[in-house]
Amino acid sequence: MDMKNNKQYTNAIDYLNKEVTVIIDRKIGSKHTKHDIIYEVNYGYIPNTLSKDECELDAYVLNINVPLDMFKGKCVAVINRKNDIEDKLIVIPNDGKITKRKIRKQVNFMERYFKSKIIMKR
């Protein structure tokens, strides 16, 4: 946890290779609330966390092609945005595998607007 302004922010890196539950609030195929962007993957948040944007830690759910309300899977990567204050988790099915290249391809619809690096533990 990172202490800033007396708040404990969640460190996204702490979730690498751990099982997490994602509450999906932007389902695959849905439109962004402020921008002309369609979500090409399920996108949501990890309950009871706090990101530096003062909301829960966000997560992309990859390798699932149907709209979901909730998903339990493994965090296999973190997208560390260089020109934004928040990181994003990459969550896939527990028995799945994915490469950095496939992550980039699946999240490009949104991440193309940011400079970032993908962090994965080996």
N, C-alpha and C. Protein backbone atom coordinates (compact mmCIF):
# COMPACT_ATOMS: atom_id res chain seq x y z
N MET A 1 0.82 -1.18 0.00
CA MET A 1 0.00 0.00 0.00
C MET A 1 0.88 1.25 0.00
N ASP A 2 0.47 2.21 -0.78
CA ASP A 2 1.20 3.46 -0.92
C ASP A 2 0.48 4.53 -0.10
N MET A 3 1.20 5.19 0.77
CA MET A 3 0.58 6.21 1.61
C MET A 3 0.70 7.57 0.92
N LYS A 4 -0.43 8.21 0.69
CA LYS A 4 -0.44 9.53 0.08
C LYS A 4 -1.69 10.22 0.59
N ASN A 5 -1.53 11.42 1.13
CA ASN A 5 -2.68 12.16 1.67
C ASN A 5 -3.45 11.33 2.70
N ASN A 6 -2.73 10.55 3.50
CA ASN A 6 -3.32 9.71 4.55
C ASN A 6 -4.26 8.63 4.02
N LYS A 7 -4.16 8.30 2.73
CA LYS A 7 -4.97 7.24 2.16
C LYS A 7 -4.05 6.10 1.78
N GLN A 8 -4.55 4.90 1.89
CA GLN A 8 -3.77 3.73 1.49
C GLN A 8 -4.26 3.29 0.11
N TYR A 9 -3.42 3.53 -0.89
CA TYR A 9 -3.76 3.13 -2.24
C TYR A 9 -3.31 1.69 -2.49
N THR A 10 -4.11 0.98 -3.27
CA THR A 10 -3.82 -0.39 -3.61
C THR A 10 -2.69 -0.43 -4.64
N ASN A 11 -1.70 -1.29 -4.42
CA ASN A 11 -0.61 -1.48 -5.36
C ASN A 11 -0.99 -2.61 -6.32
N ALA A 12 -1.19 -2.26 -7.58
CA ALA A 12 -1.63 -3.25 -8.57
C ALA A 12 -0.67 -4.43 -8.69
N ILE A 13 0.61 -4.18 -8.54
CA ILE A 13 1.62 -5.24 -8.67
C ILE A 13 1.39 -6.35 -7.65
N ASP A 14 0.83 -6.02 -6.49
CA ASP A 14 0.57 -7.03 -5.46
C ASP A 14 -0.42 -8.11 -5.92
N TYR A 15 -1.16 -7.85 -6.98
CA TYR A 15 -2.17 -8.80 -7.46
C TYR A 15 -1.64 -9.77 -8.51
N LEU A 16 -0.42 -9.56 -8.99
CA LEU A 16 0.13 -10.45 -10.01
C LEU A 16 0.13 -11.91 -9.55
N ASN A 17 -0.37 -12.78 -10.41
CA ASN A 17 -0.44 -14.23 -10.18
C ASN A 17 -1.37 -14.62 -9.04
N LYS A 18 -2.29 -13.76 -8.68
CA LYS A 18 -3.27 -14.07 -7.64
C LYS A 18 -4.66 -14.15 -8.26
N GLU A 19 -5.52 -14.95 -7.62
CA GLU A 19 -6.91 -15.02 -8.06
C GLU A 19 -7.65 -13.79 -7.55
N VAL A 20 -8.44 -13.18 -8.42
CA VAL A 20 -9.21 -11.99 -8.07
C VAL A 20 -10.63 -12.13 -8.58
N THR A 21 -11.52 -11.37 -7.97
CA THR A 21 -12.90 -11.28 -8.45
C THR A 21 -13.08 -9.88 -9.04
N VAL A 22 -13.55 -9.85 -10.28
CA VAL A 22 -13.78 -8.58 -10.97
C VAL A 22 -15.28 -8.38 -11.10
N ILE A 23 -15.76 -7.22 -10.65
CA ILE A 23 -17.14 -6.83 -10.89
C ILE A 23 -17.15 -6.08 -12.21
N ILE A 24 -17.90 -6.59 -13.18
CA ILE A 24 -17.90 -6.00 -14.53
C ILE A 24 -18.94 -4.88 -14.57
N ASP A 25 -18.45 -3.66 -14.81
CA ASP A 25 -19.39 -2.54 -14.95
C ASP A 25 -19.42 -2.00 -16.38
N ARG A 26 -18.54 -2.52 -17.24
CA ARG A 26 -18.54 -2.16 -18.66
C ARG A 26 -18.37 -3.46 -19.44
N LYS A 27 -19.48 -3.99 -19.87
CA LYS A 27 -19.47 -5.29 -20.54
C LYS A 27 -18.97 -5.18 -21.98
N ILE A 28 -18.43 -6.27 -22.47
CA ILE A 28 -18.00 -6.35 -23.85
C ILE A 28 -19.15 -5.89 -24.75
N GLY A 29 -18.85 -4.99 -25.69
CA GLY A 29 -19.88 -4.47 -26.59
C GLY A 29 -20.56 -3.20 -26.12
N SER A 30 -20.33 -2.80 -24.87
CA SER A 30 -20.97 -1.59 -24.35
C SER A 30 -20.19 -0.34 -24.77
N LYS A 31 -20.86 0.81 -24.72
CA LYS A 31 -20.25 2.07 -25.12
C LYS A 31 -19.73 2.80 -23.89
N HIS A 32 -18.57 3.43 -24.02
CA HIS A 32 -18.00 4.24 -22.95
C HIS A 32 -18.98 5.36 -22.60
N THR A 33 -19.04 5.73 -21.34
CA THR A 33 -20.01 6.73 -20.90
C THR A 33 -19.69 8.15 -21.37
N LYS A 34 -18.42 8.45 -21.65
CA LYS A 34 -18.03 9.81 -22.03
C LYS A 34 -17.42 9.92 -23.43
N HIS A 35 -16.89 8.85 -23.95
CA HIS A 35 -16.18 8.89 -25.22
C HIS A 35 -16.80 7.93 -26.23
N ASP A 36 -16.47 8.13 -27.49
CA ASP A 36 -17.02 7.29 -28.55
C ASP A 36 -16.17 6.02 -28.69
N ILE A 37 -16.20 5.19 -27.65
CA ILE A 37 -15.40 3.97 -27.60
C ILE A 37 -16.32 2.81 -27.23
N ILE A 38 -16.19 1.71 -27.95
CA ILE A 38 -16.93 0.49 -27.62
C ILE A 38 -15.95 -0.46 -26.93
N TYR A 39 -16.36 -1.02 -25.81
CA TYR A 39 -15.51 -1.96 -25.08
C TYR A 39 -15.43 -3.28 -25.84
N GLU A 40 -14.22 -3.65 -26.20
CA GLU A 40 -14.00 -4.90 -26.94
C GLU A 40 -13.76 -6.07 -26.01
N VAL A 41 -13.66 -5.80 -24.71
CA VAL A 41 -13.50 -6.83 -23.68
C VAL A 41 -14.33 -6.41 -22.48
N ASN A 42 -14.56 -7.34 -21.57
CA ASN A 42 -15.22 -6.99 -20.31
C ASN A 42 -14.24 -6.19 -19.45
N TYR A 43 -14.76 -5.19 -18.76
CA TYR A 43 -13.92 -4.28 -17.98
C TYR A 43 -14.64 -3.98 -16.67
N GLY A 44 -13.89 -4.01 -15.59
CA GLY A 44 -14.53 -3.76 -14.31
C GLY A 44 -13.53 -3.37 -13.25
N TYR A 45 -13.86 -3.71 -12.03
CA TYR A 45 -13.04 -3.28 -10.89
C TYR A 45 -12.95 -4.37 -9.84
N ILE A 46 -11.93 -4.21 -8.99
CA ILE A 46 -11.73 -5.13 -7.87
C ILE A 46 -12.34 -4.48 -6.63
N PRO A 47 -13.37 -5.09 -6.04
CA PRO A 47 -14.02 -4.48 -4.87
C PRO A 47 -13.03 -4.29 -3.71
N ASN A 48 -13.31 -3.30 -2.91
CA ASN A 48 -12.54 -3.03 -1.68
C ASN A 48 -11.08 -2.69 -1.95
N THR A 49 -10.83 -2.02 -3.06
CA THR A 49 -9.50 -1.51 -3.38
C THR A 49 -9.61 -0.01 -3.60
N LEU A 50 -8.48 0.68 -3.64
CA LEU A 50 -8.48 2.12 -3.88
C LEU A 50 -7.31 2.47 -4.80
N SER A 51 -7.65 2.95 -5.99
CA SER A 51 -6.65 3.38 -6.96
C SER A 51 -6.41 4.87 -6.78
N LYS A 52 -5.37 5.38 -7.40
CA LYS A 52 -5.03 6.80 -7.24
C LYS A 52 -6.03 7.74 -7.88
N ASP A 53 -6.99 7.21 -8.66
CA ASP A 53 -8.06 8.04 -9.20
C ASP A 53 -9.23 8.12 -8.23
N GLU A 54 -9.03 7.58 -7.01
CA GLU A 54 -10.03 7.57 -5.93
C GLU A 54 -11.18 6.60 -6.18
N CYS A 55 -11.03 5.71 -7.14
CA CYS A 55 -12.00 4.65 -7.41
C CYS A 55 -11.32 3.31 -7.20
N GLU A 56 -12.07 2.23 -7.35
CA GLU A 56 -11.48 0.91 -7.22
C GLU A 56 -10.48 0.65 -8.34
N LEU A 57 -9.60 -0.31 -8.10
CA LEU A 57 -8.60 -0.73 -9.08
C LEU A 57 -9.31 -1.38 -10.26
N ASP A 58 -9.00 -0.94 -11.47
CA ASP A 58 -9.66 -1.42 -12.68
C ASP A 58 -8.99 -2.68 -13.23
N ALA A 59 -9.78 -3.46 -13.97
CA ALA A 59 -9.27 -4.69 -14.55
C ALA A 59 -9.92 -4.98 -15.90
N TYR A 60 -9.10 -5.39 -16.83
CA TYR A 60 -9.58 -5.93 -18.10
C TYR A 60 -9.69 -7.44 -17.93
N VAL A 61 -10.81 -8.02 -18.38
CA VAL A 61 -10.96 -9.48 -18.39
C VAL A 61 -10.78 -9.93 -19.83
N LEU A 62 -9.72 -10.68 -20.08
CA LEU A 62 -9.40 -11.09 -21.44
C LEU A 62 -9.65 -12.58 -21.65
N ASN A 63 -9.74 -12.96 -22.92
CA ASN A 63 -9.97 -14.35 -23.34
C ASN A 63 -11.36 -14.87 -23.00
N ILE A 64 -12.29 -13.96 -22.77
CA ILE A 64 -13.70 -14.31 -22.57
C ILE A 64 -14.49 -13.42 -23.52
N ASN A 65 -15.28 -14.02 -24.41
CA ASN A 65 -15.93 -13.23 -25.46
C ASN A 65 -17.43 -13.08 -25.31
N VAL A 66 -17.93 -13.21 -24.09
CA VAL A 66 -19.36 -12.99 -23.83
C VAL A 66 -19.48 -11.96 -22.70
N PRO A 67 -20.56 -11.17 -22.69
CA PRO A 67 -20.74 -10.19 -21.61
C PRO A 67 -20.89 -10.90 -20.26
N LEU A 68 -20.25 -10.33 -19.25
CA LEU A 68 -20.27 -10.90 -17.90
C LEU A 68 -20.72 -9.86 -16.89
N ASP A 69 -21.21 -10.33 -15.74
CA ASP A 69 -21.51 -9.45 -14.61
C ASP A 69 -20.38 -9.49 -13.60
N MET A 70 -19.74 -10.64 -13.49
CA MET A 70 -18.67 -10.86 -12.53
C MET A 70 -17.76 -11.94 -13.10
N PHE A 71 -16.49 -11.89 -12.71
CA PHE A 71 -15.55 -12.89 -13.19
C PHE A 71 -14.50 -13.15 -12.13
N LYS A 72 -14.22 -14.43 -11.91
CA LYS A 72 -13.14 -14.81 -11.00
C LYS A 72 -12.06 -15.46 -11.85
N GLY A 73 -10.85 -14.90 -11.76
CA GLY A 73 -9.75 -15.43 -12.56
C GLY A 73 -8.42 -15.00 -12.00
N LYS A 74 -7.36 -15.21 -12.79
CA LYS A 74 -6.01 -14.93 -12.33
C LYS A 74 -5.50 -13.64 -12.96
N CYS A 75 -4.91 -12.79 -12.13
CA CYS A 75 -4.26 -11.57 -12.61
C CYS A 75 -2.88 -11.97 -13.14
N VAL A 76 -2.70 -11.84 -14.44
CA VAL A 76 -1.44 -12.28 -15.07
C VAL A 76 -0.54 -11.12 -15.47
N ALA A 77 -1.07 -9.90 -15.43
CA ALA A 77 -0.28 -8.75 -15.84
C ALA A 77 -0.88 -7.47 -15.29
N VAL A 78 -0.05 -6.44 -15.30
CA VAL A 78 -0.48 -5.10 -14.93
C VAL A 78 -0.06 -4.16 -16.06
N ILE A 79 -0.99 -3.32 -16.49
CA ILE A 79 -0.64 -2.28 -17.44
C ILE A 79 -0.30 -1.04 -16.61
N ASN A 80 0.96 -0.66 -16.68
CA ASN A 80 1.47 0.50 -15.95
C ASN A 80 1.46 1.69 -16.91
N ARG A 81 0.47 2.57 -16.71
CA ARG A 81 0.34 3.74 -17.58
C ARG A 81 1.33 4.82 -17.17
N LYS A 82 2.07 5.31 -18.12
CA LYS A 82 3.08 6.34 -17.86
C LYS A 82 2.49 7.74 -17.85
N ASN A 83 1.40 7.96 -18.58
CA ASN A 83 0.80 9.29 -18.65
C ASN A 83 -0.61 9.30 -18.05
N ASP A 84 -0.78 8.52 -16.98
CA ASP A 84 -2.04 8.48 -16.24
C ASP A 84 -1.71 8.06 -14.82
N ILE A 85 -2.63 8.28 -13.90
CA ILE A 85 -2.33 7.99 -12.49
C ILE A 85 -2.69 6.58 -12.05
N GLU A 86 -3.34 5.82 -12.93
CA GLU A 86 -3.78 4.50 -12.50
C GLU A 86 -3.27 3.37 -13.38
N ASP A 87 -3.05 2.23 -12.76
CA ASP A 87 -2.66 1.01 -13.46
C ASP A 87 -3.90 0.16 -13.68
N LYS A 88 -3.82 -0.79 -14.58
CA LYS A 88 -4.92 -1.69 -14.90
C LYS A 88 -4.46 -3.13 -14.76
N LEU A 89 -5.30 -3.97 -14.15
CA LEU A 89 -5.00 -5.39 -14.05
C LEU A 89 -5.45 -6.10 -15.32
N ILE A 90 -4.76 -7.16 -15.67
CA ILE A 90 -5.16 -8.06 -16.76
C ILE A 90 -5.53 -9.38 -16.10
N VAL A 91 -6.79 -9.78 -16.26
CA VAL A 91 -7.30 -10.98 -15.61
C VAL A 91 -7.79 -11.94 -16.70
N ILE A 92 -7.40 -13.20 -16.56
CA ILE A 92 -7.80 -14.24 -17.52
C ILE A 92 -8.29 -15.47 -16.73
N PRO A 93 -8.90 -16.44 -17.42
CA PRO A 93 -9.29 -17.67 -16.71
C PRO A 93 -8.09 -18.29 -16.01
N ASN A 94 -8.34 -18.90 -14.85
CA ASN A 94 -7.27 -19.47 -14.02
C ASN A 94 -6.36 -20.42 -14.78
N ASP A 95 -6.90 -21.17 -15.71
CA ASP A 95 -6.09 -22.16 -16.44
C ASP A 95 -5.56 -21.62 -17.77
N GLY A 96 -5.75 -20.33 -18.02
CA GLY A 96 -5.37 -19.74 -19.31
C GLY A 96 -3.95 -19.23 -19.35
N LYS A 97 -3.52 -18.90 -20.56
CA LYS A 97 -2.22 -18.31 -20.80
C LYS A 97 -2.40 -17.17 -21.80
N ILE A 98 -1.50 -16.19 -21.75
CA ILE A 98 -1.57 -15.06 -22.67
C ILE A 98 -0.20 -14.42 -22.77
N THR A 99 0.09 -13.86 -23.93
CA THR A 99 1.37 -13.17 -24.13
C THR A 99 1.17 -11.66 -24.05
N LYS A 100 2.27 -10.93 -23.90
CA LYS A 100 2.19 -9.46 -23.90
C LYS A 100 1.60 -8.96 -25.22
N ARG A 101 1.99 -9.60 -26.30
CA ARG A 101 1.49 -9.19 -27.62
C ARG A 101 -0.03 -9.34 -27.70
N LYS A 102 -0.57 -10.45 -27.20
CA LYS A 102 -2.02 -10.66 -27.22
C LYS A 102 -2.74 -9.70 -26.27
N ILE A 103 -2.12 -9.39 -25.14
CA ILE A 103 -2.70 -8.40 -24.24
C ILE A 103 -2.81 -7.06 -24.96
N ARG A 104 -1.71 -6.60 -25.56
CA ARG A 104 -1.71 -5.33 -26.29
C ARG A 104 -2.81 -5.29 -27.35
N LYS A 105 -2.93 -6.37 -28.09
CA LYS A 105 -3.94 -6.43 -29.15
C LYS A 105 -5.35 -6.31 -28.59
N GLN A 106 -5.64 -7.01 -27.49
CA GLN A 106 -7.00 -7.02 -26.95
C GLN A 106 -7.39 -5.73 -26.24
N VAL A 107 -6.42 -5.00 -25.70
CA VAL A 107 -6.75 -3.77 -24.96
C VAL A 107 -6.44 -2.51 -25.76
N ASN A 108 -5.98 -2.66 -26.99
CA ASN A 108 -5.60 -1.52 -27.82
C ASN A 108 -6.74 -0.52 -28.01
N PHE A 109 -7.98 -0.98 -28.06
CA PHE A 109 -9.13 -0.09 -28.25
C PHE A 109 -9.12 1.06 -27.24
N MET A 110 -8.56 0.82 -26.04
CA MET A 110 -8.50 1.85 -25.01
C MET A 110 -7.06 2.30 -24.74
N GLU A 111 -6.16 1.38 -24.66
CA GLU A 111 -4.79 1.70 -24.25
C GLU A 111 -3.99 2.45 -25.32
N ARG A 112 -4.51 2.51 -26.53
CA ARG A 112 -3.80 3.27 -27.58
C ARG A 112 -3.71 4.76 -27.24
N TYR A 113 -4.53 5.21 -26.31
CA TYR A 113 -4.52 6.61 -25.90
C TYR A 113 -3.50 6.90 -24.80
N PHE A 114 -2.81 5.88 -24.32
CA PHE A 114 -1.88 6.03 -23.20
C PHE A 114 -0.52 5.43 -23.54
N LYS A 115 0.51 5.95 -22.89
CA LYS A 115 1.83 5.34 -22.96
C LYS A 115 1.90 4.38 -21.78
N SER A 116 2.27 3.15 -22.04
CA SER A 116 2.26 2.18 -20.95
C SER A 116 3.26 1.06 -21.19
N LYS A 117 3.49 0.31 -20.12
CA LYS A 117 4.25 -0.92 -20.26
C LYS A 117 3.46 -2.02 -19.55
N ILE A 118 3.66 -3.23 -20.04
CA ILE A 118 2.97 -4.39 -19.46
C ILE A 118 3.96 -5.11 -18.55
N ILE A 119 3.54 -5.31 -17.31
CA ILE A 119 4.38 -5.99 -16.33
C ILE A 119 3.80 -7.37 -16.08
N MET A 120 4.64 -8.39 -16.25
CA MET A 120 4.23 -9.78 -15.97
C MET A 120 5.32 -10.44 -15.15
N LYS A 121 4.93 -11.30 -14.21
CA LYS A 121 5.91 -12.09 -13.48
C LYS A 121 6.12 -13.39 -14.21
N ARG A 122 7.30 -13.85 -14.23
CA ARG A 122 7.58 -15.12 -14.90
C ARG A 122 7.65 -16.23 -13.89
